[in-house]
Amino acid sequence: MDSRVRDACQYISDHLADSHFDIASVAQHVCLSPSRLSHLFRQQLGISVLSWREDQRISQAKLPA
């Protein structure tokens, strides 16, 4: 997996609770344009950035307290 996609995943995971989430902030963090990040994400993970984030939020919510 591309290190920028891996870093983006980590950044998203670290900011799951942020109510003002946007792809631009993730892209800026990994030094990519939002469109390039979206392209790489879909190419390597087969899912959009927003869908991946939603899946992570659901997974975290299912964890026992």
Foldseek 3Di string as FASTA:
>chain_A
DDVLLVQLLVVLLVCLPDPPDDLCVSCVVSVHHSVVSQVVCCVPVVDGPVVVSVVSVVVVVPDDD
